């Protein structure tokens, strides 16, 4: 016997409808709506909303019968591609509850055994999952079993938030209607002839008798129900990059109306980041019109980010500077630059340095979004000993900071001024007296600095000097030309 685990099966009976409702105007969403699907060359109702159900519309009705019952019924064709995108989002949601998720067709399973400590109990896990699905306006029912197939057979007509014990699960499985097993019509007739009404009746038969009467597929099903054979299906893994879209056939005509679908896409992105345990460094928006050229904008982040509200604020600021087409039919969000989430991201810092760094990044990102990425620059250190080449200006967040470490036993360098001249000014030597605007006297030095030894080596001897008023100057003498220059002034 294989180890008995706890599997959760999720079924979304109204997913074809709930996938399309966000794209409908609010006034139309309140009307009777039915999703139709082609079954054996007949258009049949797949699912409907509560307004349509009040007219007697139910799954399986032909479209002609449904329209006869409700002439005001709005009929929408099933959109398989959008439905699959919604299932991918639901699998990402499930991935944040369990590391083992199976998505096969339109069916979703989670192995939740061992996850109770993270959520402080199985009941809390189920309740949390139910609330997350409700927040996304997704109707779901579930089943709980010791293996994926048993969980599917035990799927109820409502979402169960309390985990039954193993004895109760076995009792429910034995009492399950045998017609729920996925078998051929011929085998269903054999069940009826043998008087088998419940799954427990089938499981009680000797295996030798089963092998003579039924095919290998049913024997495999029985072995899976008894935990004698694994349920073979590939595990779900989040994609390496994120791409999602929202369509609006009616068109979006102003920037304010774009914010709600952009918020939805950013929340999906953050759900993806949470599932992959990573942060993003850049996102890209694309706005596709019905007629005309599309527009796009990039949000480059100075630090890693996984907060949808901050990303929405930055997107809104940059959206103000973008010239959009008259009508937007499709909004696309892409992201493919990620870094691993820091291990200590939830730890408290005694001096709150993390909070200050986060506020600094938020300020830089806000200014970049409002003014443009080229509008800001920050000084950074270079690995060069020559003072004029030791620092430069760069776009914030697009450089790797140079780290310097003092070697053991190395003496501290002489003080250097913060204010350097753009070009070193020549110092004249008059009767062995240094003169720049007025006579200068050496206080300390020299300190030799060398640079560019691999090209044309430069050697300079730096000195600290002062004038008669006490003002301090930073001088150097070029060892090759023996000329003197003022390079900086002290305050």
Protein backbone atom coordinates (compact mmCIF):
# COMPACT_ATOMS: atom_id res chain seq x y z
CA UNK A 1 0.00 0.00 0.00
CA UNK A 2 1.24 3.44 -0.90
CA UNK A 3 1.23 6.22 1.64
CA UNK A 4 -2.22 7.76 2.08
CA UNK A 5 -2.15 11.46 1.31
CA UNK A 6 -4.78 14.19 1.34
CA UNK A 7 -5.81 15.44 -2.08
CA UNK A 8 -8.14 18.32 -2.85
CA UNK A 9 -10.05 18.39 -6.13
CA UNK A 10 -11.39 21.71 -7.43
CA UNK A 11 -14.17 22.03 -9.98
CA UNK A 12 -15.30 25.34 -11.48
CA UNK A 13 -18.82 24.80 -12.87
CA UNK A 14 -19.31 28.42 -14.01
CA UNK A 15 -15.79 29.12 -15.26
CA UNK A 16 -16.83 29.48 -18.96
CA UNK A 17 -19.30 32.18 -17.87
CA UNK A 18 -17.15 33.87 -15.22
CA UNK A 19 -14.26 34.14 -17.69
CA UNK A 20 -16.40 36.27 -20.03
CA UNK A 21 -18.37 38.35 -17.50
CA UNK A 22 -15.55 40.86 -16.73
CA UNK A 23 -15.51 41.77 -20.43
CA UNK A 24 -19.23 42.57 -20.51
CA UNK A 25 -20.63 45.98 -19.57
CA UNK A 26 -22.12 45.98 -16.09
CA UNK A 27 -25.68 46.57 -17.30
CA UNK A 28 -25.47 43.61 -19.72
CA UNK A 29 -23.99 41.33 -17.04
CA UNK A 30 -27.26 41.64 -15.07
CA UNK A 31 -29.31 40.14 -17.91
CA UNK A 32 -29.96 36.39 -18.40
CA UNK A 33 -26.79 34.96 -19.96
CA UNK A 34 -26.01 31.44 -21.11
CA UNK A 35 -22.79 29.94 -22.48
CA UNK A 36 -23.37 27.51 -25.33
CA UNK A 37 -21.18 24.68 -26.56
CA UNK A 38 -21.37 22.36 -29.56
CA UNK A 39 -22.26 18.80 -28.49
CA UNK A 40 -22.83 16.19 -31.23
CA UNK A 41 -23.55 18.94 -33.79
CA UNK A 42 -26.16 20.48 -31.45
CA UNK A 43 -25.74 23.82 -29.72
CA UNK A 44 -26.44 23.17 -26.04
CA UNK A 45 -26.35 25.29 -22.89
CA UNK A 46 -23.12 24.67 -20.99
CA UNK A 47 -23.83 26.96 -18.00
CA UNK A 48 -25.80 30.09 -17.19
CA UNK A 49 -26.08 32.83 -14.58
CA UNK A 50 -28.70 33.03 -11.82
CA UNK A 51 -30.93 35.37 -13.88
CA UNK A 52 -31.14 32.75 -16.64
CA UNK A 53 -31.63 29.91 -14.14
CA UNK A 54 -34.68 31.75 -12.78
CA UNK A 55 -36.28 31.32 -16.22
CA UNK A 56 -35.70 27.58 -16.10
CA UNK A 57 -32.50 27.53 -18.15
CA UNK A 58 -30.20 24.68 -17.19
CA UNK A 59 -27.14 22.90 -18.65
CA UNK A 60 -27.93 20.47 -21.46
CA UNK A 61 -30.86 22.37 -22.98
CA UNK A 62 -30.71 23.04 -26.69
CA UNK A 63 -30.38 26.67 -27.69
CA UNK A 64 -33.85 26.66 -29.28
CA UNK A 65 -35.47 25.39 -26.08
CA UNK A 66 -33.53 27.92 -23.98
CA UNK A 67 -34.65 30.83 -26.19
CA UNK A 68 -38.23 29.58 -26.09
CA UNK A 69 -38.13 29.65 -22.28
CA UNK A 70 -36.39 33.05 -22.13
CA UNK A 71 -36.61 35.21 -25.29
CA UNK A 72 -34.36 37.83 -23.63
CA UNK A 73 -31.58 35.29 -23.09
CA UNK A 74 -28.16 36.53 -24.21
CA UNK A 75 -26.26 33.63 -25.76
CA UNK A 76 -22.46 33.67 -25.75
CA UNK A 77 -20.18 31.06 -27.37
CA UNK A 78 -17.64 29.30 -25.21
CA UNK A 79 -14.12 30.81 -25.41
CA UNK A 80 -11.68 27.95 -24.87
CA UNK A 81 -8.51 30.07 -25.08
CA UNK A 82 -9.63 32.54 -22.44
CA UNK A 83 -10.89 29.68 -20.29
CA UNK A 84 -7.46 28.05 -20.39
CA UNK A 85 -5.84 31.33 -19.37
CA UNK A 86 -8.19 31.48 -16.38
CA UNK A 87 -7.27 27.90 -15.46
CA UNK A 88 -3.59 28.83 -15.54
CA UNK A 89 -4.32 31.68 -13.13
CA UNK A 90 -6.25 29.33 -10.84
CA UNK A 91 -3.35 26.87 -10.94
CA UNK A 92 -1.02 29.69 -9.88
CA UNK A 93 -3.40 30.47 -7.02
CA UNK A 94 -3.40 26.80 -5.99
CA UNK A 95 0.42 26.74 -6.21
CA UNK A 96 0.57 29.28 -3.38
CA UNK A 97 -1.27 26.76 -1.17
CA UNK A 98 0.54 23.56 -2.13
CA UNK A 99 3.82 22.67 -3.89
CA UNK A 100 2.07 19.79 -5.69
CA UNK A 101 -0.56 20.97 -8.17
CA UNK A 102 -1.95 19.00 -11.11
CA UNK A 103 -3.76 20.76 -13.95
CA UNK A 104 -5.19 18.36 -16.49
CA UNK A 105 -7.68 19.75 -18.98
CA UNK A 106 -10.17 21.73 -16.92
CA UNK A 107 -9.50 19.75 -13.73
CA UNK A 108 -7.33 20.90 -10.85
CA UNK A 109 -5.89 18.95 -7.91
CA UNK A 110 -3.80 19.97 -4.90
CA UNK A 111 -1.96 17.68 -2.51
CA UNK A 112 -2.48 19.45 0.81
CA UNK A 113 -1.02 16.83 3.16
CA UNK A 114 1.77 18.50 5.09
CA UNK A 115 0.52 22.05 4.43
CA UNK A 116 -1.51 22.38 7.62
CA UNK A 117 1.33 23.89 9.66
CA UNK A 118 1.78 26.81 7.28
CA UNK A 119 -1.94 27.67 7.42
CA UNK A 120 -2.44 26.60 11.07
CA UNK A 121 -4.68 23.68 10.20
CA UNK A 122 -6.43 22.13 7.22
CA UNK A 123 -9.72 23.89 7.95
CA UNK A 124 -7.97 27.28 7.90
CA UNK A 125 -6.31 26.33 4.60
CA UNK A 126 -9.65 25.42 3.01
CA UNK A 127 -11.32 28.59 4.31
CA UNK A 128 -8.45 30.74 3.07
CA UNK A 129 -8.62 29.12 -0.37
CA UNK A 130 -12.38 29.65 -0.53
CA UNK A 131 -11.96 33.35 0.32
CA UNK A 132 -9.27 33.80 -2.36
CA UNK A 133 -11.54 32.25 -4.98
CA UNK A 134 -14.47 34.42 -3.91
CA UNK A 135 -12.27 37.52 -4.13
CA UNK A 136 -11.56 36.65 -7.76
CA UNK A 137 -15.31 36.05 -8.38
CA UNK A 138 -14.76 32.36 -9.13
CA UNK A 139 -17.41 29.79 -8.16
CA UNK A 140 -15.83 26.53 -7.02
CA UNK A 141 -16.81 23.20 -5.47
CA UNK A 142 -14.38 20.67 -4.07
CA UNK A 143 -13.81 17.08 -3.12
CA UNK A 144 -11.38 15.60 -0.58
CA UNK A 145 -9.87 12.13 -0.84
CA UNK A 146 -6.80 10.01 -0.19
CA UNK A 147 -5.83 10.16 -3.88
CA UNK A 148 -6.73 12.39 -6.84
CA UNK A 149 -9.33 10.02 -8.31
CA UNK A 150 -11.11 9.56 -4.98
CA UNK A 151 -11.13 13.33 -4.42
CA UNK A 152 -12.80 13.81 -7.82
CA UNK A 153 -15.46 11.16 -7.11
CA UNK A 154 -16.19 12.79 -3.73
CA UNK A 155 -16.68 16.26 -5.24
CA UNK A 156 -19.72 17.89 -3.63
CA UNK A 157 -22.15 20.51 -4.86
CA UNK A 158 -20.65 23.10 -2.48
CA UNK A 159 -17.21 24.10 -1.21
CA UNK A 160 -16.32 22.08 1.87
CA UNK A 161 -14.22 23.99 4.43
CA UNK A 162 -13.84 21.24 7.05
CA UNK A 163 -11.54 18.29 6.49
CA UNK A 164 -13.24 14.93 7.21
CA UNK A 165 -11.21 12.20 8.91
CA UNK A 166 -9.91 9.17 7.03
CA UNK A 167 -12.77 6.93 8.21
CA UNK A 168 -15.36 9.38 6.94
CA UNK A 169 -13.57 9.70 3.59
CA UNK A 170 -13.59 5.92 3.16
CA UNK A 171 -17.29 5.74 4.09
CA UNK A 172 -18.18 8.43 1.56
CA UNK A 173 -16.15 6.70 -1.14
CA UNK A 174 -17.88 3.34 -0.59
CA UNK A 175 -21.32 5.01 -0.75
CA UNK A 176 -20.56 6.93 -3.97
CA UNK A 177 -22.83 6.13 -6.93
CA UNK A 178 -20.98 3.75 -9.24
CA UNK A 179 -22.29 5.62 -12.30
CA UNK A 180 -19.87 8.45 -11.44
CA UNK A 181 -16.98 6.22 -12.48
CA UNK A 182 -15.66 7.09 -15.94
CA UNK A 183 -16.47 3.85 -17.78
CA UNK A 184 -18.08 2.75 -21.02
CA UNK A 185 -21.83 2.29 -21.42
CA UNK A 186 -21.27 -1.47 -21.77
CA UNK A 187 -19.60 -1.65 -18.39
CA UNK A 188 -22.32 0.49 -16.82
CA UNK A 189 -24.83 -2.09 -18.08
CA UNK A 190 -22.70 -4.85 -16.54
CA UNK A 191 -22.79 -3.02 -13.22
CA UNK A 192 -26.58 -2.94 -13.37
CA UNK A 193 -26.82 -6.62 -14.28
CA UNK A 194 -24.55 -7.58 -11.39
CA UNK A 195 -26.48 -5.37 -8.96
CA UNK A 196 -23.52 -3.06 -8.32
CA UNK A 197 -24.86 0.33 -7.25
CA UNK A 198 -22.08 1.79 -5.11
CA UNK A 199 -18.34 2.06 -5.52
CA UNK A 200 -18.00 -0.03 -2.35
CA UNK A 201 -19.84 -2.90 -4.08
CA UNK A 202 -17.22 -2.88 -6.83
CA UNK A 203 -14.26 -2.65 -4.45
CA UNK A 204 -15.58 -5.60 -2.42
CA UNK A 205 -15.39 -8.01 -5.36
CA UNK A 206 -12.34 -10.32 -5.67
CA UNK A 207 -9.72 -9.00 -8.06
CA UNK A 208 -9.79 -12.25 -10.06
CA UNK A 209 -13.51 -11.85 -10.73
CA UNK A 210 -13.00 -8.25 -11.80
CA UNK A 211 -10.25 -9.14 -14.26
CA UNK A 212 -12.54 -11.68 -15.99
CA UNK A 213 -15.52 -9.33 -16.33
CA UNK A 214 -13.99 -5.87 -16.89
CA UNK A 215 -11.24 -4.31 -18.99
CA UNK A 216 -7.79 -3.16 -17.92
CA UNK A 217 -8.84 0.51 -17.72
CA UNK A 218 -11.34 -0.22 -14.96
CA UNK A 219 -8.78 -2.34 -13.11
CA UNK A 220 -6.36 0.61 -13.24
CA UNK A 221 -9.10 2.87 -11.82
CA UNK A 222 -9.73 0.43 -8.95
CA UNK A 223 -5.98 0.21 -8.22
CA UNK A 224 -5.81 4.01 -8.04
CA UNK A 225 -8.80 4.18 -5.71
CA UNK A 226 -7.11 1.62 -3.42
CA UNK A 227 -3.82 3.60 -3.48
CA UNK A 228 -2.16 0.64 -5.16
CA UNK A 229 -1.16 2.67 -8.22
CA UNK A 230 -0.09 6.27 -8.61
CA UNK A 231 -2.20 8.82 -10.41
CA UNK A 232 0.10 9.68 -13.30
CA UNK A 233 -0.21 13.27 -14.45
CA UNK A 234 2.44 15.99 -14.88
CA UNK A 235 2.76 18.51 -12.09
CA UNK A 236 2.01 22.13 -12.76
CA UNK A 237 5.00 24.49 -12.92
CA UNK A 238 4.74 28.27 -13.38
CA UNK A 239 6.11 29.56 -16.69
CA UNK A 240 9.55 31.20 -16.84
CA UNK A 241 8.00 34.48 -18.00
CA UNK A 242 4.70 36.22 -17.38
CA UNK A 243 2.29 37.32 -20.10
CA UNK A 244 -1.39 38.01 -19.57
CA UNK A 245 -4.04 40.09 -21.27
CA UNK A 246 -7.55 41.45 -20.87
CA UNK A 247 -9.81 42.06 -23.85
CA UNK A 248 -12.65 44.53 -24.09
CA UNK A 249 -14.55 44.21 -27.39
CA UNK A 250 -16.51 47.41 -26.65
CA UNK A 251 -13.28 49.40 -26.37
CA UNK A 252 -11.83 51.62 -23.62
CA UNK A 253 -11.90 55.32 -24.45
CA UNK A 254 -10.08 57.08 -21.57
CA UNK A 255 -7.11 56.46 -19.31
CA UNK A 256 -9.11 56.27 -16.10
CA UNK A 257 -11.07 53.32 -17.47
CA UNK A 258 -7.78 51.51 -18.11
CA UNK A 259 -6.86 51.46 -14.42
CA UNK A 260 -9.25 48.69 -13.34
CA UNK A 261 -8.09 46.09 -15.92
CA UNK A 262 -4.48 47.16 -15.27
CA UNK A 263 -5.05 46.54 -11.56
CA UNK A 264 -6.43 43.08 -12.34
CA UNK A 265 -3.40 42.20 -14.47
CA UNK A 266 -0.97 43.46 -11.82
CA UNK A 267 -2.70 41.37 -9.16
CA UNK A 268 -2.28 38.33 -11.42
CA UNK A 269 1.40 39.22 -11.86
CA UNK A 270 1.89 39.43 -8.09
CA UNK A 271 0.14 36.07 -7.72
CA UNK A 272 2.65 34.69 -10.24
CA UNK A 273 5.56 36.27 -8.34
CA UNK A 274 4.29 34.80 -5.08
CA UNK A 275 4.03 31.34 -6.63
CA UNK A 276 7.59 31.55 -8.00
CA UNK A 277 8.91 33.27 -4.85
CA UNK A 278 10.59 36.01 -6.84
CA UNK A 279 10.45 39.75 -7.50
CA UNK A 280 10.36 41.58 -10.82
CA UNK A 281 12.73 44.30 -12.04
CA UNK A 282 10.74 45.51 -15.06
CA UNK A 283 7.25 45.27 -16.52
CA UNK A 284 5.96 46.15 -19.97
CA UNK A 285 2.47 47.32 -20.93
CA UNK A 286 1.00 47.04 -24.43
CA UNK A 287 -2.21 48.74 -25.50
CA UNK A 288 -3.76 47.29 -28.65
CA UNK A 289 -6.44 49.35 -30.47
CA UNK A 290 -9.09 48.01 -32.79
CA UNK A 291 -7.71 50.20 -35.58
CA UNK A 292 -4.28 51.80 -35.67
CA UNK A 293 -0.88 51.20 -34.13
CA UNK A 294 -0.40 49.81 -30.65
CA UNK A 295 1.39 51.68 -27.87
CA UNK A 296 3.63 50.28 -25.18
CA UNK A 297 5.43 51.53 -22.08
CA UNK A 298 8.07 50.01 -19.82
CA UNK A 299 8.26 50.43 -16.06
CA UNK A 300 11.87 49.98 -14.97
CA UNK A 301 12.37 49.51 -11.24
CA UNK A 302 15.38 50.64 -9.24
CA UNK A 303 14.79 47.77 -6.81
CA UNK A 304 12.96 44.46 -6.86
CA UNK A 305 9.19 44.72 -6.51
CA UNK A 306 6.19 42.47 -5.95
CA UNK A 307 3.58 44.93 -4.66
CA UNK A 308 0.71 45.44 -7.12
CA UNK A 309 -0.38 48.77 -5.59
CA UNK A 310 3.09 50.29 -6.05
CA UNK A 311 3.29 48.96 -9.61
CA UNK A 312 -0.15 50.41 -10.37
CA UNK A 313 0.88 53.81 -9.02
CA UNK A 314 4.01 53.82 -11.18
CA UNK A 315 2.05 52.67 -14.23
CA UNK A 316 -0.51 55.42 -13.68
CA UNK A 317 2.19 58.10 -13.47
CA UNK A 318 3.82 56.97 -16.69
CA UNK A 319 0.45 56.54 -18.38
CA UNK A 320 -0.15 60.28 -17.98
CA UNK A 321 2.76 60.98 -20.38
CA UNK A 322 1.66 58.42 -22.99
CA UNK A 323 -0.38 59.31 -26.04
CA UNK A 324 -2.89 56.48 -26.52
CA UNK A 325 -5.13 55.56 -29.46
CA UNK A 326 -8.77 56.61 -29.28
CA UNK A 327 -10.06 53.15 -28.32
CA UNK A 328 -8.15 50.33 -26.59
CA UNK A 329 -9.42 46.81 -27.23
CA UNK A 330 -6.69 44.75 -25.57
CA UNK A 331 -4.34 45.35 -22.63
CA UNK A 332 -1.26 43.12 -22.33
CA UNK A 333 1.15 42.88 -19.39
CA UNK A 334 4.55 41.17 -19.80
CA UNK A 335 7.43 40.55 -17.40
CA UNK A 336 10.53 38.39 -17.81
CA UNK A 337 13.18 39.97 -15.57
CA UNK A 338 13.05 38.45 -12.11
CA UNK A 339 15.30 37.92 -9.11
CA UNK A 340 14.81 35.56 -6.21
CA UNK A 341 12.93 37.00 -3.26
CA UNK A 342 15.40 37.81 -0.45
CA UNK A 343 15.39 35.26 2.35
CA UNK A 344 15.07 37.89 5.04
CA UNK A 345 12.40 39.99 3.38
CA UNK A 346 10.02 39.53 6.32
CA UNK A 347 12.61 39.96 9.07
CA UNK A 348 12.51 43.08 11.23
CA UNK A 349 15.56 45.32 11.03
CA UNK A 350 16.68 46.94 14.29
CA UNK A 351 17.60 50.22 12.58
CA UNK A 352 14.91 49.97 9.86
CA UNK A 353 17.48 50.20 7.04
CA UNK A 354 15.33 48.02 4.78
CA UNK A 355 12.41 50.43 5.10
CA UNK A 356 14.60 53.42 4.26
CA UNK A 357 16.03 51.61 1.22
CA UNK A 358 12.52 50.72 0.08
CA UNK A 359 11.36 54.32 0.42
CA UNK A 360 14.39 55.46 -1.60
CA UNK A 361 13.58 53.00 -4.39
CA UNK A 362 9.93 54.08 -4.40
CA UNK A 363 10.95 57.74 -4.74
CA UNK A 364 13.32 56.96 -7.63
CA UNK A 365 10.70 54.85 -9.40
CA UNK A 366 8.04 57.57 -8.98
CA UNK A 367 10.31 60.25 -10.44
CA UNK A 368 11.31 57.97 -13.31
CA UNK A 369 7.66 57.20 -14.09
CA UNK A 370 6.69 60.89 -14.05
CA UNK A 371 9.77 62.44 -15.71
CA UNK A 372 11.27 59.59 -17.73
CA UNK A 373 14.16 57.23 -17.14
CA UNK A 374 16.68 59.72 -18.57
CA UNK A 375 15.70 62.53 -16.19
CA UNK A 376 17.51 61.11 -13.13
CA UNK A 377 21.09 60.17 -12.46
CA UNK A 378 23.09 59.26 -9.41
CA UNK A 379 26.83 59.21 -8.64
CA UNK A 380 28.44 55.79 -8.47
CA UNK A 381 31.95 54.61 -7.67
CA UNK A 382 34.34 53.25 -10.27
CA UNK A 383 37.28 50.99 -9.57
CA UNK A 384 39.89 53.62 -10.41
CA UNK A 385 42.38 55.42 -8.18
CA UNK A 386 42.47 58.67 -10.14
CA UNK A 387 40.01 61.03 -8.41
CA UNK A 388 38.36 62.39 -11.57
CA UNK A 389 37.66 58.83 -12.74
CA UNK A 390 36.71 57.33 -9.37
CA UNK A 391 33.04 58.28 -9.79
CA UNK A 392 30.57 58.92 -12.57
CA UNK A 393 26.86 59.50 -13.13
CA UNK A 394 24.54 56.65 -14.12
CA UNK A 395 20.84 55.93 -14.42
CA UNK A 396 19.55 54.79 -11.00
CA UNK A 397 19.19 51.03 -10.68
CA UNK A 398 21.13 50.22 -13.87
CA UNK A 399 24.61 49.69 -12.50
CA UNK A 400 26.46 47.34 -10.24
CA UNK A 401 27.95 49.17 -7.31
CA UNK A 402 31.69 48.80 -6.83
CA UNK A 403 32.66 47.47 -3.43
CA UNK A 404 35.96 48.44 -1.86
CA UNK A 405 37.51 46.75 1.12
CA UNK A 406 40.51 48.00 3.01
CA UNK A 407 43.36 45.54 3.13
CA UNK A 408 44.71 44.48 6.54
CA UNK A 409 47.46 46.81 7.62
CA UNK A 410 46.69 49.41 4.92
CA UNK A 411 46.99 53.01 6.17
CA UNK A 412 44.05 55.34 5.92
CA UNK A 413 44.24 57.72 2.97
CA UNK A 414 44.74 61.42 3.48
CA UNK A 415 41.52 63.49 3.47
CA UNK A 416 40.20 64.40 0.04
CA UNK A 417 37.87 67.31 -0.81
CA UNK A 418 34.32 66.68 -1.99
CA UNK A 419 34.61 69.56 -4.49
CA UNK A 420 36.91 68.76 -7.39
CA UNK A 421 37.62 71.19 -10.20
CA UNK A 422 36.24 70.14 -13.58
CA UNK A 423 39.76 70.47 -15.03
CA UNK A 424 42.83 70.64 -12.77
CA UNK A 425 44.17 74.23 -12.74
CA UNK A 426 47.92 74.80 -13.34
CA UNK A 427 49.94 76.06 -10.38
CA UNK A 428 52.92 78.31 -11.09
CA UNK A 429 56.25 77.94 -9.37
CA UNK A 430 57.89 81.31 -8.60
CA UNK A 431 61.22 81.24 -6.82
CA UNK A 432 60.40 77.82 -5.38
CA UNK A 433 57.06 79.21 -4.14
CA UNK A 434 53.78 77.62 -5.33
CA UNK A 435 51.39 80.28 -6.58
CA UNK A 436 47.71 79.96 -7.57
CA UNK A 437 45.88 83.28 -7.26
CA UNK A 438 48.07 83.75 -4.17
CA UNK A 439 51.01 82.01 -2.56
CA UNK A 440 50.40 78.49 -1.27
CA UNK A 441 52.21 76.55 1.44
CA UNK A 442 52.47 72.75 1.67
CA UNK A 443 50.96 71.34 4.88
CA UNK A 444 51.26 67.59 4.33
CA UNK A 445 52.08 65.02 1.70
CA UNK A 446 52.90 63.49 -0.59
CA UNK A 447 50.41 60.65 -1.27
CA UNK A 448 51.11 58.87 -4.53
CA UNK A 449 48.18 57.74 -6.73
CA UNK A 450 48.67 55.64 -9.86
CA UNK A 451 46.13 54.79 -12.57
CA UNK A 452 45.77 53.33 -16.07
CA UNK A 453 48.95 51.28 -15.73
CA UNK A 454 47.78 48.96 -18.54
CA UNK A 455 47.51 51.85 -21.04
CA UNK A 456 49.56 54.93 -20.16
CA UNK A 457 50.48 54.89 -16.50
CA UNK A 458 49.89 58.13 -14.61
CA UNK A 459 51.61 58.88 -11.32
CA UNK A 460 50.65 61.81 -9.17
CA UNK A 461 51.90 63.01 -5.80
CA UNK A 462 49.08 64.72 -3.90
CA UNK A 463 49.66 67.38 -1.21
CA UNK A 464 47.54 69.36 1.19
CA UNK A 465 48.25 73.11 0.96
CA UNK A 466 46.86 76.35 2.38
CA UNK A 467 47.04 80.09 1.72
CA UNK A 468 47.53 83.01 4.08
CA UNK A 469 43.82 83.06 4.97
CA UNK A 470 43.80 79.38 6.00
CA UNK A 471 41.89 78.08 2.98
CA UNK A 472 42.83 74.48 2.16
CA UNK A 473 43.74 73.22 -1.33
CA UNK A 474 44.40 69.81 -2.78
CA UNK A 475 47.40 69.87 -5.10
CA UNK A 476 49.24 67.27 -7.09
CA UNK A 477 52.48 67.10 -9.01
CA UNK A 478 52.63 65.00 -12.17
CA UNK A 479 55.74 62.86 -11.81
CA UNK A 480 56.35 62.66 -15.56
CA UNK A 481 56.11 66.40 -16.37
CA UNK A 482 56.96 67.71 -12.85
CA UNK A 483 54.11 70.25 -13.23
CA UNK A 484 51.82 71.26 -10.34
CA UNK A 485 47.99 71.49 -10.42
CA UNK A 486 45.13 72.38 -8.08
CA UNK A 487 42.61 69.55 -8.18
CA UNK A 488 40.18 70.38 -5.36
CA UNK A 489 39.13 72.82 -2.67
CA UNK A 490 38.18 72.06 0.93
CA UNK A 491 35.19 73.84 2.46
